Amino acid sequence: MTLFIDMDEVIADTYNAHIEVYNREYDGSLKVEDCHGREVWQCVIEAHQDSIRNHARTRGFFRNLKPIDDSVKVLAALNRKYDLYIASAATQFPNSLEEKSEWLDEYFSFIPWQNRILCGHKHILKGDVLIDNRSYNLENFEGRTLLFTSPHNVNTNGFERVNTWKEVAKKLL
């Protein structure tokens, strides 16, 4: 069985990284709890929104992300059971291609480069399971879809949801 795993907000903690960078830039006190149901940029004053939107274009942003809790351990186990691929819409931010590859080498070295799909649209994916935090990536996938909870998607319905990697392990291992 083929399993596709998204990166941002699924195995790589981009959401909290946006908050951390914003708080450093503006001496802010934004917390993840302030953002439920919204993107980080929607939670700040209009004058600061472009700054957050541009974090992904800043060299080093993707390279310095923290892994989501339990993602390394569970993906290692999933990798032994499934034909596992990382599928990330990385081409929108050219710096991210190199940085995401280096990040995967550091934290998920058991996933070879041949099993890393850094693409634009994910509608090209054909397989058995897709785990993603964006409903638009799941809508047209022909296999089983799992919506990985992120603060921005807490109000999204219509998909089988997983909140943690321990929940993923219970469903797929």
C-alpha atoms as a PDB file:
ATOM      1  CA  MET A   1       0.000   0.000   0.000  1.00  0.00           C
ATOM      2  CA  THR A   2       1.162   3.510  -0.853  1.00  0.00           C
ATOM      3  CA  LEU A   3       1.070   6.182   1.844  1.00  0.00           C
ATOM      4  CA  PHE A   4       1.674   9.893   1.154  1.00  0.00           C
ATOM      5  CA  ILE A   5       2.540  12.230   4.035  1.00  0.00           C
ATOM      6  CA  ASP A   6       2.486  16.034   3.804  1.00  0.00           C
ATOM      7  CA  MET A   7       5.261  18.015   5.501  1.00  0.00           C
ATOM      8  CA  ASP A   8       4.145  21.467   6.692  1.00  0.00           C
ATOM      9  CA  GLU A   9       1.961  21.287   9.797  1.00  0.00           C
ATOM     10  CA  VAL A  10       1.913  17.494   9.534  1.00  0.00           C
ATOM     11  CA  ILE A  11       5.502  16.448  10.282  1.00  0.00           C
ATOM     12  CA  ALA A  12       7.137  19.916  10.320  1.00  0.00           C
ATOM     13  CA  ASP A  13       5.811  22.530  12.747  1.00  0.00           C
ATOM     14  CA  THR A  14       5.468  25.539  10.448  1.00  0.00           C
ATOM     15  CA  TYR A  15       2.476  26.983  12.294  1.00  0.00           C
ATOM     16  CA  ASN A  16       4.325  27.534  15.574  1.00  0.00           C
ATOM     17  CA  ALA A  17       7.399  28.652  13.643  1.00  0.00           C
ATOM     18  CA  HIS A  18       5.367  31.469  12.078  1.00  0.00           C
ATOM     19  CA  ILE A  19       4.249  32.543  15.555  1.00  0.00           C
ATOM     20  CA  GLU A  20       7.795  32.397  16.962  1.00  0.00           C
ATOM     21  CA  VAL A  21       9.241  34.456  14.098  1.00  0.00           C
ATOM     22  CA  TYR A  22       6.400  36.978  14.338  1.00  0.00           C
ATOM     23  CA  ASN A  23       6.871  37.407  18.091  1.00  0.00           C
ATOM     24  CA  ARG A  24      10.623  37.947  17.612  1.00  0.00           C
ATOM     25  CA  GLU A  25      10.116  40.450  14.784  1.00  0.00           C
ATOM     26  CA  TYR A  26       7.486  42.531  16.570  1.00  0.00           C
ATOM     27  CA  ASP A  27       8.208  41.786  20.235  1.00  0.00           C
ATOM     28  CA  GLY A  28       4.774  40.175  20.236  1.00  0.00           C
ATOM     29  CA  SER A  29       2.974  37.791  22.521  1.00  0.00           C
ATOM     30  CA  LEU A  30       0.869  35.904  19.966  1.00  0.00           C
ATOM     31  CA  LYS A  31       0.020  32.356  21.062  1.00  0.00           C
ATOM     32  CA  VAL A  32      -1.334  29.419  19.093  1.00  0.00           C
ATOM     33  CA  GLU A  33      -4.513  29.565  21.192  1.00  0.00           C
ATOM     34  CA  ASP A  34      -5.169  33.035  19.726  1.00  0.00           C
ATOM     35  CA  CYS A  35      -5.287  31.616  16.221  1.00  0.00           C
ATOM     36  CA  HIS A  36      -7.653  28.641  16.282  1.00  0.00           C
ATOM     37  CA  GLY A  37      -9.647  28.428  13.070  1.00  0.00           C
ATOM     38  CA  ARG A  38      -7.402  30.901  11.250  1.00  0.00           C
ATOM     39  CA  GLU A  39      -4.064  31.218   9.532  1.00  0.00           C
ATOM     40  CA  VAL A  40      -1.386  32.981  11.588  1.00  0.00           C
ATOM     41  CA  TRP A  41      -1.359  35.988   9.249  1.00  0.00           C
ATOM     42  CA  GLN A  42      -5.093  36.453   9.891  1.00  0.00           C
ATOM     43  CA  CYS A  43      -4.426  36.890  13.622  1.00  0.00           C
ATOM     44  CA  VAL A  44      -2.272  40.013  13.440  1.00  0.00           C
ATOM     45  CA  ILE A  45      -2.831  43.606  12.422  1.00  0.00           C
ATOM     46  CA  GLU A  46      -2.987  44.262   8.704  1.00  0.00           C
ATOM     47  CA  ALA A  47       0.360  46.088   8.669  1.00  0.00           C
ATOM     48  CA  HIS A  48       2.111  42.865   9.828  1.00  0.00           C
ATOM     49  CA  GLN A  49       0.309  40.332   7.624  1.00  0.00           C
ATOM     50  CA  ASP A  50       2.717  40.499   4.676  1.00  0.00           C
ATOM     51  CA  SER A  51       5.625  39.852   7.016  1.00  0.00           C
ATOM     52  CA  ILE A  52       4.084  36.540   8.064  1.00  0.00           C
ATOM     53  CA  ARG A  53       3.212  35.624   4.479  1.00  0.00           C
ATOM     54  CA  ASN A  54       6.869  36.176   3.578  1.00  0.00           C
ATOM     55  CA  HIS A  55       8.359  33.931   6.282  1.00  0.00           C
ATOM     56  CA  ALA A  56       8.218  31.034   3.815  1.00  0.00           C
ATOM     57  CA  ARG A  57      10.348  33.043   1.385  1.00  0.00           C
ATOM     58  CA  THR A  58      13.001  33.725   4.017  1.00  0.00           C
ATOM     59  CA  ARG A  59      16.114  31.586   3.766  1.00  0.00           C
ATOM     60  CA  GLY A  60      16.369  29.264   6.753  1.00  0.00           C
ATOM     61  CA  PHE A  61      12.666  29.198   7.635  1.00  0.00           C
ATOM     62  CA  PHE A  62      12.021  25.636   6.464  1.00  0.00           C
ATOM     63  CA  ARG A  63      15.440  24.353   7.514  1.00  0.00           C
ATOM     64  CA  ASN A  64      14.942  25.324  11.156  1.00  0.00           C
ATOM     65  CA  LEU A  65      11.514  23.797  11.786  1.00  0.00           C
ATOM     66  CA  LYS A  66      10.857  21.418  14.653  1.00  0.00           C
ATOM     67  CA  PRO A  67       9.314  18.010  13.954  1.00  0.00           C
ATOM     68  CA  ILE A  68       5.719  17.489  15.107  1.00  0.00           C
ATOM     69  CA  ASP A  69       5.585  15.362  18.276  1.00  0.00           C
ATOM     70  CA  ASP A  70       5.948  11.615  17.648  1.00  0.00           C
ATOM     71  CA  SER A  71       6.184  12.054  13.860  1.00  0.00           C
ATOM     72  CA  VAL A  72       9.701  10.600  13.568  1.00  0.00           C
ATOM     73  CA  LYS A  73       8.914   7.478  15.591  1.00  0.00           C
ATOM     74  CA  VAL A  74       5.555   6.793  13.908  1.00  0.00           C
ATOM     75  CA  LEU A  75       6.830   7.441  10.368  1.00  0.00           C
ATOM     76  CA  ALA A  76       9.711   5.026  10.993  1.00  0.00           C
ATOM     77  CA  ALA A  77       7.144   2.351  11.880  1.00  0.00           C
ATOM     78  CA  LEU A  78       4.877   3.274   8.953  1.00  0.00           C
ATOM     79  CA  ASN A  79       7.882   3.115   6.629  1.00  0.00           C
ATOM     80  CA  ARG A  80       8.354  -0.549   7.562  1.00  0.00           C
ATOM     81  CA  LYS A  81       4.717  -1.358   6.711  1.00  0.00           C
ATOM     82  CA  TYR A  82       3.908   0.913   3.726  1.00  0.00           C
ATOM     83  CA  ASP A  83       5.453   2.213   0.552  1.00  0.00           C
ATOM     84  CA  LEU A  84       5.848   5.639   2.190  1.00  0.00           C
ATOM     85  CA  TYR A  85       6.368   8.951   0.370  1.00  0.00           C
ATOM     86  CA  ILE A  86       6.692  12.507   1.604  1.00  0.00           C
ATOM     87  CA  ALA A  87       4.578  14.758  -0.637  1.00  0.00           C
ATOM     88  CA  SER A  88       5.026  18.487  -0.123  1.00  0.00           C
ATOM     89  CA  ALA A  89       3.857  21.380  -2.278  1.00  0.00           C
ATOM     90  CA  ALA A  90       7.308  22.924  -2.122  1.00  0.00           C
ATOM     91  CA  THR A  91       7.747  24.572  -5.498  1.00  0.00           C
ATOM     92  CA  GLN A  92       5.804  27.691  -4.473  1.00  0.00           C
ATOM     93  CA  PHE A  93       8.796  28.693  -2.323  1.00  0.00           C
ATOM     94  CA  PRO A  94      12.072  27.958  -4.169  1.00  0.00           C
ATOM     95  CA  ASN A  95      14.220  28.069  -0.992  1.00  0.00           C
ATOM     96  CA  SER A  96      12.082  25.344   0.489  1.00  0.00           C
ATOM     97  CA  LEU A  97      13.190  22.702  -2.013  1.00  0.00           C
ATOM     98  CA  GLU A  98      16.738  22.579  -0.681  1.00  0.00           C
ATOM     99  CA  GLU A  99      15.784  23.283   2.911  1.00  0.00           C
ATOM    100  CA  LYS A 100      13.046  20.658   3.064  1.00  0.00           C
ATOM    101  CA  SER A 101      15.391  18.071   1.574  1.00  0.00           C
ATOM    102  CA  GLU A 102      18.074  18.893   4.169  1.00  0.00           C
ATOM    103  CA  TRP A 103      15.464  18.848   6.953  1.00  0.00           C
ATOM    104  CA  LEU A 104      14.253  15.416   5.863  1.00  0.00           C
ATOM    105  CA  ASP A 105      17.866  14.187   5.787  1.00  0.00           C
ATOM    106  CA  GLU A 106      18.259  15.298   9.404  1.00  0.00           C
ATOM    107  CA  TYR A 107      15.002  14.057  10.928  1.00  0.00           C
ATOM    108  CA  PHE A 108      13.713  11.388   8.521  1.00  0.00           C
ATOM    109  CA  SER A 109      16.888   9.955   6.994  1.00  0.00           C
ATOM    110  CA  PHE A 110      15.152   6.564   6.696  1.00  0.00           C
ATOM    111  CA  ILE A 111      13.038   8.048   3.872  1.00  0.00           C
ATOM    112  CA  PRO A 112      15.297   8.078   0.795  1.00  0.00           C
ATOM    113  CA  TRP A 113      15.361  10.949  -1.673  1.00  0.00           C
ATOM    114  CA  GLN A 114      13.552   8.745  -4.197  1.00  0.00           C
ATOM    115  CA  ASN A 115      10.505   8.765  -1.879  1.00  0.00           C
ATOM    116  CA  ARG A 116      10.311  12.543  -1.571  1.00  0.00           C
ATOM    117  CA  ILE A 117       7.891  14.323  -3.864  1.00  0.00           C
ATOM    118  CA  LEU A 118       8.437  18.084  -3.760  1.00  0.00           C
ATOM    119  CA  CYS A 119       5.772  19.317  -6.132  1.00  0.00           C
ATOM    120  CA  GLY A 120       3.187  21.965  -6.914  1.00  0.00           C
ATOM    121  CA  HIS A 121      -0.339  20.532  -6.892  1.00  0.00           C
ATOM    122  CA  LYS A 122      -0.963  17.242  -5.150  1.00  0.00           C
ATOM    123  CA  HIS A 123      -3.807  16.251  -7.458  1.00  0.00           C
ATOM    124  CA  ILE A 124      -1.257  14.123  -9.330  1.00  0.00           C
ATOM    125  CA  LEU A 125      -0.875  11.739  -6.376  1.00  0.00           C
ATOM    126  CA  LYS A 126      -2.329   8.262  -6.867  1.00  0.00           C
ATOM    127  CA  GLY A 127      -2.170   5.888  -3.942  1.00  0.00           C
ATOM    128  CA  ASP A 128      -3.943   4.374  -0.976  1.00  0.00           C
ATOM    129  CA  VAL A 129      -3.651   6.945   1.838  1.00  0.00           C
ATOM    130  CA  LEU A 130      -2.915  10.690   2.001  1.00  0.00           C
ATOM    131  CA  ILE A 131      -2.312  12.495   5.301  1.00  0.00           C
ATOM    132  CA  ASP A 132      -2.485  16.277   4.875  1.00  0.00           C
ATOM    133  CA  ASN A 133      -3.564  19.363   6.820  1.00  0.00           C
ATOM    134  CA  ARG A 134      -5.200  21.088   3.842  1.00  0.00           C
ATOM    135  CA  SER A 135      -8.657  19.922   2.834  1.00  0.00           C
ATOM    136  CA  TYR A 136      -8.145  21.059  -0.780  1.00  0.00           C
ATOM    137  CA  ASN A 137      -5.342  18.481  -1.090  1.00  0.00           C
ATOM    138  CA  LEU A 138      -7.637  15.739   0.200  1.00  0.00           C
ATOM    139  CA  GLU A 139     -10.782  16.579  -1.798  1.00  0.00           C
ATOM    140  CA  ASN A 140      -9.846  14.824  -5.029  1.00  0.00           C
ATOM    141  CA  PHE A 141      -7.564  12.107  -3.683  1.00  0.00           C
ATOM    142  CA  GLU A 142      -9.020   8.745  -4.708  1.00  0.00           C
ATOM    143  CA  GLY A 143      -7.781   6.774  -1.674  1.00  0.00           C
ATOM    144  CA  ARG A 144      -8.306   7.141   2.064  1.00  0.00           C
ATOM    145  CA  THR A 145      -7.744  10.641   3.374  1.00  0.00           C
ATOM    146  CA  LEU A 146      -6.732  11.719   6.864  1.00  0.00           C
ATOM    147  CA  LEU A 147      -6.950  15.399   7.808  1.00  0.00           C
ATOM    148  CA  PHE A 148      -4.134  16.132  10.233  1.00  0.00           C
ATOM    149  CA  THR A 149      -5.293  18.731  12.736  1.00  0.00           C
ATOM    150  CA  SER A 150      -3.609  22.109  12.630  1.00  0.00           C
ATOM    151  CA  PRO A 151      -4.880  25.289  14.306  1.00  0.00           C
ATOM    152  CA  HIS A 152      -6.103  26.681  10.972  1.00  0.00           C
ATOM    153  CA  ASN A 153      -8.296  23.642  10.159  1.00  0.00           C
ATOM    154  CA  VAL A 154     -10.015  22.981  13.501  1.00  0.00           C
ATOM    155  CA  ASN A 155     -13.365  24.003  11.991  1.00  0.00           C
ATOM    156  CA  THR A 156     -12.981  21.925   8.811  1.00  0.00           C
ATOM    157  CA  ASN A 157     -15.409  19.026   8.547  1.00  0.00           C
ATOM    158  CA  GLY A 158     -16.074  16.242   6.088  1.00  0.00           C
ATOM    159  CA  PHE A 159     -12.819  14.297   6.466  1.00  0.00           C
ATOM    160  CA  GLU A 160     -11.538  11.569   8.732  1.00  0.00           C
ATOM    161  CA  ARG A 161      -9.425  13.517  11.222  1.00  0.00           C
ATOM    162  CA  VAL A 162      -6.269  12.689  13.157  1.00  0.00           C
ATOM    163  CA  ASN A 163      -5.027  15.002  15.894  1.00  0.00           C
ATOM    164  CA  THR A 164      -1.666  13.425  16.713  1.00  0.00           C
ATOM    165  CA  TRP A 165       0.815  10.942  15.340  1.00  0.00           C
ATOM    166  CA  LYS A 166      -0.200   8.518  18.098  1.00  0.00           C
ATOM    167  CA  GLU A 167      -3.712   8.566  16.584  1.00  0.00           C
ATOM    168  CA  VAL A 168      -2.231   7.920  13.136  1.00  0.00           C
ATOM    169  CA  ALA A 169      -0.370   4.926  14.575  1.00  0.00           C
ATOM    170  CA  LYS A 170      -3.596   3.511  16.027  1.00  0.00           C
ATOM    171  CA  LYS A 171      -5.346   3.820  12.653  1.00  0.00           C
ATOM    172  CA  LEU A 172      -2.585   2.623  10.334  1.00  0.00           C
ATOM    173  CA  LEU A 173      -0.230   0.338  12.259  1.00  0.00           C
END
